[in-house]
């Protein structure tokens, strides 16, 4: 397991990367960042990719739930 400093760096970098991805529309930018990190530190690369993937999974989960709730509410609305 990576030390706390590495995890903190990875988390901060993941947040920044997702913000840049959103602004630029480059949805695979995190892969390029991972490659850059891996050239110097496999430990930071792995922590970063874990941080990115968990955040992206959360976004997908929240999007799924929002769509399900929207569909449910639409079905409940009388015409």
PDB file of N, CA and C in Angstrom:
ATOM      1  N   UNK A   1       0.843  -1.187   0.000  1.00  0.00           N
ATOM      2  CA  UNK A   1       0.000   0.000   0.000  1.00  0.00           C
ATOM      3  C   UNK A   1       0.885   1.245   0.000  1.00  0.00           C
ATOM      4  N   UNK A   2       0.503   2.227  -0.769  1.00  0.00           N
ATOM      5  CA  UNK A   2       1.260   3.475  -0.856  1.00  0.00           C
ATOM      6  C   UNK A   2       1.123   4.272   0.433  1.00  0.00           C
ATOM      7  N   UNK A   3       2.140   5.078   0.708  1.00  0.00           N
ATOM      8  CA  UNK A   3       2.041   5.889   1.918  1.00  0.00           C
ATOM      9  C   UNK A   3       1.043   7.026   1.714  1.00  0.00           C
ATOM     10  N   UNK A   4       0.668   7.638   2.797  1.00  0.00           N
ATOM     11  CA  UNK A   4      -0.375   8.660   2.795  1.00  0.00           C
ATOM     12  C   UNK A   4      -0.035   9.832   1.872  1.00  0.00           C
ATOM     13  N   UNK A   5       1.229  10.233   1.826  1.00  0.00           N
ATOM     14  CA  UNK A   5       1.630  11.353   0.963  1.00  0.00           C
ATOM     15  C   UNK A   5       1.372  11.036  -0.511  1.00  0.00           C
ATOM     16  N   UNK A   6       1.658   9.810  -0.914  1.00  0.00           N
ATOM     17  CA  UNK A   6       1.429   9.402  -2.303  1.00  0.00           C
ATOM     18  C   UNK A   6      -0.068   9.400  -2.608  1.00  0.00           C
ATOM     19  N   UNK A   7      -0.856   8.895  -1.698  1.00  0.00           N
ATOM     20  CA  UNK A   7      -2.310   8.857  -1.891  1.00  0.00           C
ATOM     21  C   UNK A   7      -2.875  10.272  -1.987  1.00  0.00           C
ATOM     22  N   UNK A   8      -2.402  11.159  -1.138  1.00  0.00           N
ATOM     23  CA  UNK A   8      -2.858  12.553  -1.183  1.00  0.00           C
ATOM     24  C   UNK A   8      -2.484  13.214  -2.505  1.00  0.00           C
ATOM     25  N   UNK A   9      -1.239  12.984  -2.963  1.00  0.00           N
ATOM     26  CA  UNK A   9      -0.821  13.538  -4.261  1.00  0.00           C
ATOM     27  C   UNK A   9      -1.687  12.990  -5.386  1.00  0.00           C
ATOM     28  N   UNK A  10      -1.934  11.695  -5.356  1.00  0.00           N
ATOM     29  CA  UNK A  10      -2.735  11.049  -6.395  1.00  0.00           C
ATOM     30  C   UNK A  10      -4.162  11.583  -6.395  1.00  0.00           C
ATOM     31  N   UNK A  11      -4.741  11.756  -5.219  1.00  0.00           N
ATOM     32  CA  UNK A  11      -6.105  12.279  -5.129  1.00  0.00           C
ATOM     33  C   UNK A  11      -6.202  13.696  -5.666  1.00  0.00           C
ATOM     34  N   UNK A  12      -5.241  14.532  -5.304  1.00  0.00           N
ATOM     35  CA  UNK A  12      -5.249  15.914  -5.789  1.00  0.00           C
ATOM     36  C   UNK A  12      -5.070  15.955  -7.309  1.00  0.00           C
ATOM     37  N   UNK A  13      -4.145  15.173  -7.805  1.00  0.00           N
ATOM     38  CA  UNK A  13      -3.915  15.131  -9.242  1.00  0.00           C
ATOM     39  C   UNK A  13      -5.134  14.588  -9.984  1.00  0.00           C
ATOM     40  N   UNK A  14      -5.807  13.621  -9.402  1.00  0.00           N
ATOM     41  CA  UNK A  14      -7.017  13.065 -10.023  1.00  0.00           C
ATOM     42  C   UNK A  14      -8.104  14.120 -10.128  1.00  0.00           C
ATOM     43  N   UNK A  15      -8.307  14.884  -9.074  1.00  0.00           N
ATOM     44  CA  UNK A  15      -9.311  15.959  -9.102  1.00  0.00           C
ATOM     45  C   UNK A  15      -8.972  16.986 -10.179  1.00  0.00           C
ATOM     46  N   UNK A  16      -7.699  17.367 -10.245  1.00  0.00           N
ATOM     47  CA  UNK A  16      -7.273  18.348 -11.245  1.00  0.00           C
ATOM     48  C   UNK A  16      -7.427  17.793 -12.659  1.00  0.00           C
ATOM     49  N   UNK A  17      -7.072  16.541 -12.843  1.00  0.00           N
ATOM     50  CA  UNK A  17      -7.181  15.910 -14.160  1.00  0.00           C
ATOM     51  C   UNK A  17      -8.636  15.841 -14.616  1.00  0.00           C
ATOM     52  N   UNK A  18      -9.535  15.461 -13.721  1.00  0.00           N
ATOM     53  CA  UNK A  18     -10.948  15.396 -14.095  1.00  0.00           C
ATOM     54  C   UNK A  18     -11.488  16.778 -14.461  1.00  0.00           C
ATOM     55  N   UNK A  19     -11.028  17.804 -13.778  1.00  0.00           N
ATOM     56  CA  UNK A  19     -11.457  19.166 -14.097  1.00  0.00           C
ATOM     57  C   UNK A  19     -10.956  19.570 -15.491  1.00  0.00           C
ATOM     58  N   UNK A  20      -9.715  19.229 -15.807  1.00  0.00           N
ATOM     59  CA  UNK A  20      -9.168  19.548 -17.133  1.00  0.00           C
ATOM     60  C   UNK A  20      -9.893  18.732 -18.201  1.00  0.00           C
ATOM     61  N   UNK A  21     -10.143  17.462 -17.918  1.00  0.00           N
ATOM     62  CA  UNK A  21     -10.879  16.627 -18.868  1.00  0.00           C
ATOM     63  C   UNK A  21     -12.240  17.222 -19.182  1.00  0.00           C
ATOM     64  N   UNK A  22     -12.924  17.665 -18.154  1.00  0.00           N
ATOM     65  CA  UNK A  22     -14.258  18.231 -18.338  1.00  0.00           C
ATOM     66  C   UNK A  22     -14.208  19.496 -19.184  1.00  0.00           C
ATOM     67  N   UNK A  23     -13.222  20.343 -18.905  1.00  0.00           N
ATOM     68  CA  UNK A  23     -13.120  21.608 -19.646  1.00  0.00           C
ATOM     69  C   UNK A  23     -12.685  21.399 -21.090  1.00  0.00           C
ATOM     70  N   UNK A  24     -11.770  20.455 -21.317  1.00  0.00           N
ATOM     71  CA  UNK A  24     -11.228  20.260 -22.660  1.00  0.00           C
ATOM     72  C   UNK A  24     -11.987  19.233 -23.489  1.00  0.00           C
ATOM     73  N   UNK A  25     -12.782  18.392 -22.821  1.00  0.00           N
ATOM     74  CA  UNK A  25     -13.501  17.336 -23.531  1.00  0.00           C
ATOM     75  C   UNK A  25     -12.631  16.126 -23.847  1.00  0.00           C
ATOM     76  N   UNK A  26     -11.416  16.097 -23.329  1.00  0.00           N
ATOM     77  CA  UNK A  26     -10.518  14.958 -23.546  1.00  0.00           C
ATOM     78  C   UNK A  26     -10.800  13.899 -22.487  1.00  0.00           C
ATOM     79  N   UNK A  27     -11.711  12.981 -22.789  1.00  0.00           N
ATOM     80  CA  UNK A  27     -12.156  12.038 -21.769  1.00  0.00           C
ATOM     81  C   UNK A  27     -11.146  10.940 -21.452  1.00  0.00           C
ATOM     82  N   UNK A  28     -10.064  10.843 -22.197  1.00  0.00           N
ATOM     83  CA  UNK A  28      -9.028   9.840 -21.919  1.00  0.00           C
ATOM     84  C   UNK A  28      -7.709  10.488 -21.495  1.00  0.00           C
ATOM     85  N   UNK A  29      -7.762  11.761 -21.136  1.00  0.00           N
ATOM     86  CA  UNK A  29      -6.563  12.473 -20.700  1.00  0.00           C
ATOM     87  C   UNK A  29      -5.895  11.764 -19.528  1.00  0.00           C
ATOM     88  N   UNK A  30      -6.682  11.182 -18.651  1.00  0.00           N
ATOM     89  CA  UNK A  30      -6.120  10.508 -17.484  1.00  0.00           C
ATOM     90  C   UNK A  30      -5.156   9.390 -17.868  1.00  0.00           C
ATOM     91  N   UNK A  31      -5.377   8.763 -19.017  1.00  0.00           N
ATOM     92  CA  UNK A  31      -4.470   7.712 -19.474  1.00  0.00           C
ATOM     93  C   UNK A  31      -3.099   8.296 -19.825  1.00  0.00           C
ATOM     94  N   UNK A  32      -3.106   9.468 -20.452  1.00  0.00           N
ATOM     95  CA  UNK A  32      -1.846  10.121 -20.795  1.00  0.00           C
ATOM     96  C   UNK A  32      -1.112  10.558 -19.536  1.00  0.00           C
ATOM     97  N   UNK A  33      -1.851  11.101 -18.579  1.00  0.00           N
ATOM     98  CA  UNK A  33      -1.239  11.499 -17.306  1.00  0.00           C
ATOM     99  C   UNK A  33      -0.655  10.259 -16.618  1.00  0.00           C
ATOM    100  N   UNK A  34      -1.377   9.174 -16.654  1.00  0.00           N
ATOM    101  CA  UNK A  34      -0.879   7.930 -16.068  1.00  0.00           C
ATOM    102  C   UNK A  34       0.418   7.473 -16.704  1.00  0.00           C
ATOM    103  N   UNK A  35       0.518   7.605 -18.025  1.00  0.00           N
ATOM    104  CA  UNK A  35       1.750   7.239 -18.722  1.00  0.00           C
ATOM    105  C   UNK A  35       2.917   8.117 -18.285  1.00  0.00           C
ATOM    106  N   UNK A  36       2.650   9.420 -18.143  1.00  0.00           N
ATOM    107  CA  UNK A  36       3.690  10.345 -17.694  1.00  0.00           C
ATOM    108  C   UNK A  36       4.154   9.962 -16.289  1.00  0.00           C
ATOM    109  N   UNK A  37       3.203   9.680 -15.410  1.00  0.00           N
ATOM    110  CA  UNK A  37       3.549   9.304 -14.043  1.00  0.00           C
ATOM    111  C   UNK A  37       4.319   7.986 -14.005  1.00  0.00           C
ATOM    112  N   UNK A  38       3.885   7.029 -14.808  1.00  0.00           N
ATOM    113  CA  UNK A  38       4.509   5.714 -14.813  1.00  0.00           C
ATOM    114  C   UNK A  38       5.961   5.734 -15.255  1.00  0.00           C
ATOM    115  N   UNK A  39       6.326   6.734 -16.040  1.00  0.00           N
ATOM    116  CA  UNK A  39       7.712   6.844 -16.478  1.00  0.00           C
ATOM    117  C   UNK A  39       8.647   7.161 -15.306  1.00  0.00           C
ATOM    118  N   UNK A  40       8.103   7.763 -14.246  1.00  0.00           N
ATOM    119  CA  UNK A  40       8.926   8.131 -13.093  1.00  0.00           C
ATOM    120  C   UNK A  40       8.591   7.351 -11.836  1.00  0.00           C
ATOM    121  N   UNK A  41       7.294   7.048 -11.655  1.00  0.00           N
ATOM    122  CA  UNK A  41       6.876   6.407 -10.408  1.00  0.00           C
ATOM    123  C   UNK A  41       5.672   5.514 -10.652  1.00  0.00           C
ATOM    124  N   UNK A  42       5.914   4.228 -10.661  1.00  0.00           N
ATOM    125  CA  UNK A  42       4.815   3.283 -10.833  1.00  0.00           C
ATOM    126  C   UNK A  42       3.853   3.362  -9.645  1.00  0.00           C
ATOM    127  N   UNK A  43       4.386   3.646  -8.485  1.00  0.00           N
ATOM    128  CA  UNK A  43       3.546   3.752  -7.288  1.00  0.00           C
ATOM    129  C   UNK A  43       2.550   4.898  -7.416  1.00  0.00           C
ATOM    130  N   UNK A  44       3.029   6.070  -7.843  1.00  0.00           N
ATOM    131  CA  UNK A  44       2.125   7.210  -8.012  1.00  0.00           C
ATOM    132  C   UNK A  44       1.165   6.961  -9.162  1.00  0.00           C
ATOM    133  N   UNK A  45       1.644   6.337 -10.226  1.00  0.00           N
ATOM    134  CA  UNK A  45       0.764   6.015 -11.357  1.00  0.00           C
ATOM    135  C   UNK A  45      -0.405   5.142 -10.904  1.00  0.00           C
ATOM    136  N   UNK A  46      -0.122   4.097 -10.148  1.00  0.00           N
ATOM    137  CA  UNK A  46      -1.174   3.189  -9.696  1.00  0.00           C
ATOM    138  C   UNK A  46      -2.153   3.885  -8.758  1.00  0.00           C
ATOM    139  N   UNK A  47      -1.624   4.705  -7.856  1.00  0.00           N
ATOM    140  CA  UNK A  47      -2.504   5.435  -6.934  1.00  0.00           C
ATOM    141  C   UNK A  47      -3.372   6.431  -7.695  1.00  0.00           C
ATOM    142  N   UNK A  48      -2.791   7.104  -8.677  1.00  0.00           N
ATOM    143  CA  UNK A  48      -3.532   8.062  -9.501  1.00  0.00           C
ATOM    144  C   UNK A  48      -4.639   7.361 -10.287  1.00  0.00           C
ATOM    145  N   UNK A  49      -4.303   6.268 -10.946  1.00  0.00           N
ATOM    146  CA  UNK A  49      -5.304   5.565 -11.747  1.00  0.00           C
ATOM    147  C   UNK A  49      -6.432   5.016 -10.872  1.00  0.00           C
ATOM    148  N   UNK A  50      -6.097   4.560  -9.678  1.00  0.00           N
ATOM    149  CA  UNK A  50      -7.132   4.118  -8.747  1.00  0.00           C
ATOM    150  C   UNK A  50      -8.040   5.290  -8.368  1.00  0.00           C
ATOM    151  N   UNK A  51      -7.433   6.429  -8.074  1.00  0.00           N
ATOM    152  CA  UNK A  51      -8.212   7.620  -7.702  1.00  0.00           C
ATOM    153  C   UNK A  51      -9.112   8.062  -8.848  1.00  0.00           C
ATOM    154  N   UNK A  52      -8.593   8.060 -10.056  1.00  0.00           N
ATOM    155  CA  UNK A  52      -9.385   8.453 -11.230  1.00  0.00           C
ATOM    156  C   UNK A  52     -10.541   7.476 -11.437  1.00  0.00           C
ATOM    157  N   UNK A  53     -10.237   6.214 -11.422  1.00  0.00           N
ATOM    158  CA  UNK A  53     -11.276   5.204 -11.704  1.00  0.00           C
ATOM    159  C   UNK A  53     -12.397   5.231 -10.667  1.00  0.00           C
ATOM    160  N   UNK A  54     -12.041   5.411  -9.418  1.00  0.00           N
ATOM    161  CA  UNK A  54     -13.101   5.451  -8.407  1.00  0.00           C
ATOM    162  C   UNK A  54     -13.960   6.696  -8.571  1.00  0.00           C
ATOM    163  N   UNK A  55     -13.355   7.813  -8.913  1.00  0.00           N
ATOM    164  CA  UNK A  55     -14.134   9.035  -9.132  1.00  0.00           C
ATOM    165  C   UNK A  55     -15.006   8.920 -10.377  1.00  0.00           C
ATOM    166  N   UNK A  56     -14.463   8.339 -11.439  1.00  0.00           N
ATOM    167  CA  UNK A  56     -15.255   8.157 -12.654  1.00  0.00           C
ATOM    168  C   UNK A  56     -16.401   7.176 -12.408  1.00  0.00           C
ATOM    169  N   UNK A  57     -16.146   6.156 -11.622  1.00  0.00           N
ATOM    170  CA  UNK A  57     -17.211   5.203 -11.287  1.00  0.00           C
ATOM    171  C   UNK A  57     -18.302   5.892 -10.479  1.00  0.00           C
ATOM    172  N   UNK A  58     -17.899   6.753  -9.552  1.00  0.00           N
ATOM    173  CA  UNK A  58     -18.898   7.488  -8.769  1.00  0.00           C
ATOM    174  C   UNK A  58     -19.750   8.372  -9.680  1.00  0.00           C
ATOM    175  N   UNK A  59     -19.117   9.052 -10.615  1.00  0.00           N
ATOM    176  CA  UNK A  59     -19.846   9.907 -11.556  1.00  0.00           C
ATOM    177  C   UNK A  59     -20.842   9.075 -12.351  1.00  0.00           C
ATOM    178  N   UNK A  60     -20.414   7.924 -12.830  1.00  0.00           N
ATOM    179  CA  UNK A  60     -21.308   7.055 -13.591  1.00  0.00           C
ATOM    180  C   UNK A  60     -22.462   6.554 -12.725  1.00  0.00           C
ATOM    181  N   UNK A  61     -22.161   6.210 -11.488  1.00  0.00           N
ATOM    182  CA  UNK A  61     -23.216   5.758 -10.575  1.00  0.00           C
ATOM    183  C   UNK A  61     -24.236   6.844 -10.293  1.00  0.00           C
ATOM    184  N   UNK A  62     -23.756   8.053 -10.054  1.00  0.00           N
ATOM    185  CA  UNK A  62     -24.673   9.172  -9.796  1.00  0.00           C
ATOM    186  C   UNK A  62     -25.513   9.505 -11.032  1.00  0.00           C
ATOM    187  N   UNK A  63     -24.898   9.430 -12.209  1.00  0.00           N
ATOM    188  CA  UNK A  63     -25.635   9.677 -13.453  1.00  0.00           C
ATOM    189  C   UNK A  63     -26.728   8.626 -13.642  1.00  0.00           C
ATOM    190  N   UNK A  64     -26.386   7.380 -13.376  1.00  0.00           N
ATOM    191  CA  UNK A  64     -27.358   6.291 -13.479  1.00  0.00           C
ATOM    192  C   UNK A  64     -28.529   6.524 -12.533  1.00  0.00           C
ATOM    193  N   UNK A  65     -28.209   6.847 -11.274  1.00  0.00           N
ATOM    194  CA  UNK A  65     -29.284   7.078 -10.295  1.00  0.00           C
ATOM    195  C   UNK A  65     -30.162   8.262 -10.684  1.00  0.00           C
ATOM    196  N   UNK A  66     -29.559   9.327 -11.173  1.00  0.00           N
ATOM    197  CA  UNK A  66     -30.336  10.503 -11.574  1.00  0.00           C
ATOM    198  C   UNK A  66     -31.288  10.157 -12.719  1.00  0.00           C
ATOM    199  N   UNK A  67     -30.822   9.365 -13.673  1.00  0.00           N
ATOM    200  CA  UNK A  67     -31.674   8.968 -14.798  1.00  0.00           C
ATOM    201  C   UNK A  67     -32.805   8.059 -14.337  1.00  0.00           C
ATOM    202  N   UNK A  68     -32.503   7.148 -13.426  1.00  0.00           N
ATOM    203  CA  UNK A  68     -33.551   6.260 -12.906  1.00  0.00           C
ATOM    204  C   UNK A  68     -34.614   7.039 -12.155  1.00  0.00           C
ATOM    205  N   UNK A  69     -34.182   7.990 -11.343  1.00  0.00           N
ATOM    206  CA  UNK A  69     -35.132   8.801 -10.595  1.00  0.00           C
ATOM    207  C   UNK A  69     -35.964   9.663 -11.543  1.00  0.00           C
ATOM    208  N   UNK A  70     -35.340  10.212 -12.551  1.00  0.00           N
ATOM    209  CA  UNK A  70     -36.050  11.024 -13.532  1.00  0.00           C
ATOM    210  C   UNK A  70     -37.103  10.178 -14.264  1.00  0.00           C
ATOM    211  N   UNK A  71     -36.726   8.972 -14.648  1.00  0.00           N
ATOM    212  CA  UNK A  71     -37.674   8.078 -15.326  1.00  0.00           C
ATOM    213  C   UNK A  71     -38.820   7.696 -14.394  1.00  0.00           C
ATOM    214  N   UNK A  72     -38.514   7.432 -13.144  1.00  0.00           N
ATOM    215  CA  UNK A  72     -39.544   7.087 -12.171  1.00  0.00           C
ATOM    216  C   UNK A  72     -40.536   8.238 -11.998  1.00  0.00           C
ATOM    217  N   UNK A  73     -39.988   9.432 -11.829  1.00  0.00           N
ATOM    218  CA  UNK A  73     -40.863  10.600 -11.632  1.00  0.00           C
ATOM    219  C   UNK A  73     -41.694  10.881 -12.872  1.00  0.00           C
ATOM    220  N   UNK A  74     -41.131  10.677 -14.040  1.00  0.00           N
ATOM    221  CA  UNK A  74     -41.890  10.888 -15.278  1.00  0.00           C
ATOM    222  C   UNK A  74     -43.035   9.890 -15.390  1.00  0.00           C
ATOM    223  N   UNK A  75     -42.788   8.651 -14.940  1.00  0.00           N
ATOM    224  CA  UNK A  75     -43.831   7.632 -14.990  1.00  0.00           C
ATOM    225  C   UNK A  75     -44.938   7.899 -13.982  1.00  0.00           C
ATOM    226  N   UNK A  76     -44.635   8.623 -12.906  1.00  0.00           N
ATOM    227  CA  UNK A  76     -45.607   8.925 -11.867  1.00  0.00           C
ATOM    228  C   UNK A  76     -46.480  10.143 -12.212  1.00  0.00           C
ATOM    229  N   UNK A  77     -46.027  10.940 -13.130  1.00  0.00           N
ATOM    230  CA  UNK A  77     -46.747  12.165 -13.492  1.00  0.00           C
ATOM    231  C   UNK A  77     -47.944  11.828 -14.363  1.00  0.00           C
ATOM    232  N   UNK A  78     -49.156  12.164 -13.896  1.00  0.00           N
ATOM    233  CA  UNK A  78     -50.337  11.895 -14.717  1.00  0.00           C
ATOM    234  C   UNK A  78     -50.375  12.805 -15.945  1.00  0.00           C
ATOM    235  N   UNK A  79     -50.855  12.267 -17.022  1.00  0.00           N
ATOM    236  CA  UNK A  79     -50.931  13.043 -18.264  1.00  0.00           C
ATOM    237  C   UNK A  79     -52.267  13.730 -18.404  1.00  0.00           C
TER     238      UNK A  79
END
